[in-house]
Amino acid sequence: MIKILPLKFNKRTDWILISAGVLFGIALLIIGVATAIKSIADWGAEHQFVKQQVVALHIQAPYRIEKIGPVKELVVLNTPFDSLTTTEQKIIKVWKDYKTAMIAIAIFDCGESRLDQYAVSHTGDLGIAQINWPIWKDKIKEEFGYNAGDMFNVDKNLEVAYLIWDRGNGVESDGIGSWNAWTSFQNGGYTKCFK
């Protein structure tokens, strides 16, 4: 039979081991707190509280948290066409009227998808213009023959968005239209794009 003898330490060894253990514990605590603070700061830099209506078409919290993308300024007047992105140029070509197209860019960029052609919201809004598929799918299939996947195509998404805008005032093909189908227009969120 093997007998295991307990280790014996003197007071000096005990003190050194206890001190080393305490210092190691403090170091782990500092590292953990620093990591937590950095994670919170990183999250805070990418998100913001946004006040919203408590009751609109559905019940929602009075505030929501949104991820903030890179800050982009949009100047309505005298923005050279060549300095716009391809997507922004496509929006101008679809809406034709420069001022209306700039409002469309602001709504889709600062209020809806941040011009992300693959954006999907929790309510089923798809693509750049955030076309609400559950509401518009039958009309889109009837009018264009498009499916939900087609809403991730920039040109098709903008074509559908124009139809929704054009019919928004109750008169089709009058070139006036209405942005009321877009929440970011109703709540003014799109104005963040303007200087």
Protein backbone atom coordinates (compact mmCIF):
# COMPACT_ATOMS: atom_id res chain seq x y z
CA MET A 1 0.00 0.00 0.00
CA ILE A 2 1.27 3.43 -0.98
CA LYS A 3 0.96 6.12 1.59
CA ILE A 4 0.60 9.72 0.41
CA LEU A 5 2.10 12.22 2.73
CA PRO A 6 0.60 15.68 2.95
CA LEU A 7 2.76 18.55 1.73
CA LYS A 8 4.03 20.79 4.42
CA PHE A 9 4.62 24.47 3.90
CA ASN A 10 6.16 26.96 6.18
CA LYS A 11 4.57 30.33 6.86
CA ARG A 12 6.65 32.07 4.22
CA THR A 13 5.63 29.53 1.51
CA ASP A 14 1.97 29.78 2.59
CA TRP A 15 2.08 33.56 2.31
CA ILE A 16 3.68 33.45 -1.16
CA LEU A 17 1.11 30.92 -2.47
CA ILE A 18 -1.82 32.86 -1.04
CA SER A 19 -0.46 36.14 -2.46
CA ALA A 20 0.09 34.56 -5.88
CA GLY A 21 -3.46 33.13 -5.84
CA VAL A 22 -4.95 36.49 -4.87
CA LEU A 23 -2.94 38.34 -7.54
CA PHE A 24 -3.95 35.76 -10.15
CA GLY A 25 -7.60 36.13 -9.14
CA ILE A 26 -7.39 39.94 -9.32
CA ALA A 27 -5.75 39.72 -12.76
CA LEU A 28 -8.54 37.42 -14.01
CA LEU A 29 -11.15 39.79 -12.58
CA ILE A 30 -9.54 42.83 -14.28
CA ILE A 31 -9.33 41.00 -17.61
CA GLY A 32 -12.98 39.91 -17.32
CA VAL A 33 -14.20 43.42 -16.46
CA ALA A 34 -12.12 44.99 -19.26
CA THR A 35 -13.48 42.46 -21.78
CA ALA A 36 -17.06 43.12 -20.64
CA ILE A 37 -16.60 46.90 -20.85
CA LYS A 38 -15.10 46.62 -24.35
CA SER A 39 -17.99 44.40 -25.51
CA ILE A 40 -20.55 46.84 -24.13
CA ALA A 41 -18.76 49.81 -25.72
CA ASP A 42 -18.53 48.04 -29.10
CA TRP A 43 -22.24 47.18 -28.98
CA GLY A 44 -23.10 50.74 -27.93
CA ALA A 45 -21.13 52.19 -30.84
CA GLU A 46 -23.22 50.21 -33.33
CA HIS A 47 -26.69 50.60 -31.79
CA GLN A 48 -28.95 53.45 -30.80
CA PHE A 49 -32.28 53.90 -29.05
CA VAL A 50 -34.91 55.22 -31.43
CA LYS A 51 -38.19 56.64 -30.14
CA GLN A 52 -41.15 55.22 -32.01
CA GLN A 53 -44.91 55.35 -31.80
CA VAL A 54 -46.32 52.91 -29.26
CA VAL A 55 -49.34 52.13 -31.39
CA ALA A 56 -49.24 52.37 -35.15
CA LEU A 57 -50.69 49.56 -37.22
CA HIS A 58 -49.40 47.19 -34.57
CA ILE A 59 -48.41 47.44 -30.91
CA GLN A 60 -44.72 48.01 -30.34
CA ALA A 61 -42.39 49.20 -27.62
CA PRO A 62 -41.90 52.97 -27.29
CA TYR A 63 -38.19 52.57 -28.15
CA ARG A 64 -36.24 50.18 -30.31
CA ILE A 65 -32.54 49.58 -30.82
CA GLU A 66 -31.14 49.92 -34.33
CA LYS A 67 -27.74 49.06 -35.67
CA ILE A 68 -26.02 52.16 -37.00
CA GLY A 69 -24.06 51.81 -40.20
CA PRO A 70 -21.41 54.20 -41.41
CA VAL A 71 -22.56 57.80 -41.26
CA LYS A 72 -23.37 59.17 -44.70
CA GLU A 73 -24.43 62.69 -45.57
CA LEU A 74 -26.79 63.24 -48.44
CA VAL A 75 -27.08 66.66 -50.04
CA VAL A 76 -30.31 67.13 -51.98
CA LEU A 77 -29.20 69.94 -54.23
CA ASN A 78 -26.26 69.90 -56.61
CA THR A 79 -25.06 66.37 -55.88
CA PRO A 80 -23.12 65.31 -58.99
CA PHE A 81 -24.67 62.21 -60.55
CA ASP A 82 -21.25 60.58 -61.01
CA SER A 83 -20.48 60.86 -57.31
CA LEU A 84 -23.51 58.74 -56.39
CA THR A 85 -23.34 54.96 -55.97
CA THR A 86 -24.70 52.69 -58.69
CA THR A 87 -27.77 52.00 -56.56
CA GLU A 88 -28.39 55.71 -55.99
CA GLN A 89 -28.05 56.32 -59.73
CA LYS A 90 -30.60 53.57 -60.40
CA ILE A 91 -33.04 55.19 -57.97
CA ILE A 92 -32.69 58.50 -59.81
CA LYS A 93 -33.32 56.77 -63.15
CA VAL A 94 -36.47 55.06 -61.80
CA TRP A 95 -37.99 58.17 -60.19
CA LYS A 96 -36.68 60.58 -62.89
CA ASP A 97 -37.52 63.71 -60.87
CA TYR A 98 -34.26 64.51 -59.05
CA LYS A 99 -35.85 65.88 -55.87
CA THR A 100 -38.24 62.92 -55.53
CA ALA A 101 -35.36 60.52 -56.23
CA MET A 102 -33.28 62.14 -53.47
CA ILE A 103 -36.17 61.61 -51.04
CA ALA A 104 -36.33 57.97 -52.20
CA ILE A 105 -32.59 57.58 -51.57
CA ALA A 106 -32.96 59.10 -48.09
CA ILE A 107 -35.92 56.85 -47.22
CA PHE A 108 -34.22 53.68 -48.45
CA ASP A 109 -30.78 54.60 -47.01
CA CYS A 110 -31.42 56.24 -43.64
CA GLY A 111 -34.87 54.92 -42.91
CA GLU A 112 -35.19 51.46 -44.37
CA SER A 113 -32.38 49.17 -45.59
CA ARG A 114 -29.26 51.38 -45.65
CA LEU A 115 -29.35 50.55 -49.38
CA ASP A 116 -28.61 46.88 -48.63
CA GLN A 117 -30.16 44.86 -51.44
CA TYR A 118 -30.26 41.77 -49.21
CA ALA A 119 -31.92 43.45 -46.21
CA VAL A 120 -34.75 41.53 -44.52
CA SER A 121 -36.74 42.92 -41.61
CA HIS A 122 -38.53 40.99 -38.87
CA THR A 123 -41.85 42.01 -40.49
CA GLY A 124 -41.00 40.53 -43.89
CA ASP A 125 -39.72 43.66 -45.63
CA LEU A 126 -37.31 42.75 -48.43
CA GLY A 127 -34.49 44.44 -50.31
CA ILE A 128 -33.41 48.03 -50.76
CA ALA A 129 -36.89 49.56 -50.60
CA GLN A 130 -38.00 47.11 -47.89
CA ILE A 131 -41.03 45.87 -49.81
CA ASN A 132 -43.40 44.27 -47.30
CA TRP A 133 -43.82 40.85 -48.90
CA PRO A 134 -46.77 39.63 -46.80
CA ILE A 135 -48.81 42.70 -47.83
CA TRP A 136 -47.70 43.14 -51.46
CA LYS A 137 -46.90 39.60 -52.66
CA ASP A 138 -50.20 38.96 -54.49
CA LYS A 139 -50.11 42.33 -56.28
CA ILE A 140 -46.42 41.86 -57.17
CA LYS A 141 -47.00 38.35 -58.54
CA GLU A 142 -50.02 39.56 -60.52
CA GLU A 143 -48.36 42.73 -61.87
CA PHE A 144 -44.78 41.50 -62.48
CA GLY A 145 -44.69 37.74 -61.88
CA TYR A 146 -41.93 38.24 -59.29
CA ASN A 147 -41.33 36.02 -56.26
CA ALA A 148 -39.81 36.95 -52.89
CA GLY A 149 -36.28 36.16 -54.13
CA ASP A 150 -36.70 38.72 -56.92
CA MET A 151 -36.98 41.43 -54.27
CA PHE A 152 -33.22 41.08 -53.67
CA ASN A 153 -32.58 42.20 -57.24
CA VAL A 154 -32.03 45.98 -57.12
CA ASP A 155 -33.81 46.74 -60.40
CA LYS A 156 -36.86 44.59 -59.65
CA ASN A 157 -37.09 45.89 -56.09
CA LEU A 158 -37.03 49.50 -57.29
CA GLU A 159 -39.57 48.72 -60.00
CA VAL A 160 -41.98 47.40 -57.36
CA ALA A 161 -41.21 50.31 -55.01
CA TYR A 162 -42.04 52.77 -57.78
CA LEU A 163 -45.37 51.03 -58.38
CA ILE A 164 -46.22 51.24 -54.67
CA TRP A 165 -45.17 54.90 -54.56
CA ASP A 166 -47.03 55.77 -57.77
CA ARG A 167 -50.29 54.26 -56.55
CA GLY A 168 -49.87 55.72 -53.06
CA ASN A 169 -51.92 58.82 -53.78
CA GLY A 170 -54.72 56.86 -55.43
CA VAL A 171 -53.90 57.98 -58.98
CA GLU A 172 -51.60 55.79 -61.03
CA SER A 173 -49.06 57.20 -63.50
CA ASP A 174 -49.54 60.83 -62.48
CA GLY A 175 -45.89 61.20 -61.40
CA ILE A 176 -46.90 62.50 -57.96
CA GLY A 177 -47.09 59.39 -55.78
CA SER A 178 -46.89 59.05 -52.01
CA TRP A 179 -44.28 57.76 -49.55
CA ASN A 180 -46.89 56.82 -46.91
CA ALA A 181 -46.27 53.09 -47.42
CA TRP A 182 -42.80 53.53 -45.86
CA THR A 183 -42.59 53.77 -42.07
CA SER A 184 -39.38 55.78 -42.20
CA PHE A 185 -41.22 58.49 -44.14
CA GLN A 186 -44.11 58.53 -41.68
CA ASN A 187 -41.85 58.73 -38.61
CA GLY A 188 -39.33 61.10 -40.22
CA GLY A 189 -36.43 58.65 -39.88
CA TYR A 190 -35.30 59.38 -43.43
CA THR A 191 -34.42 62.97 -42.50
CA LYS A 192 -31.24 61.69 -40.81
CA CYS A 193 -29.76 61.59 -44.34
CA PHE A 194 -30.01 65.33 -44.83
CA LYS A 195 -27.46 67.88 -43.58
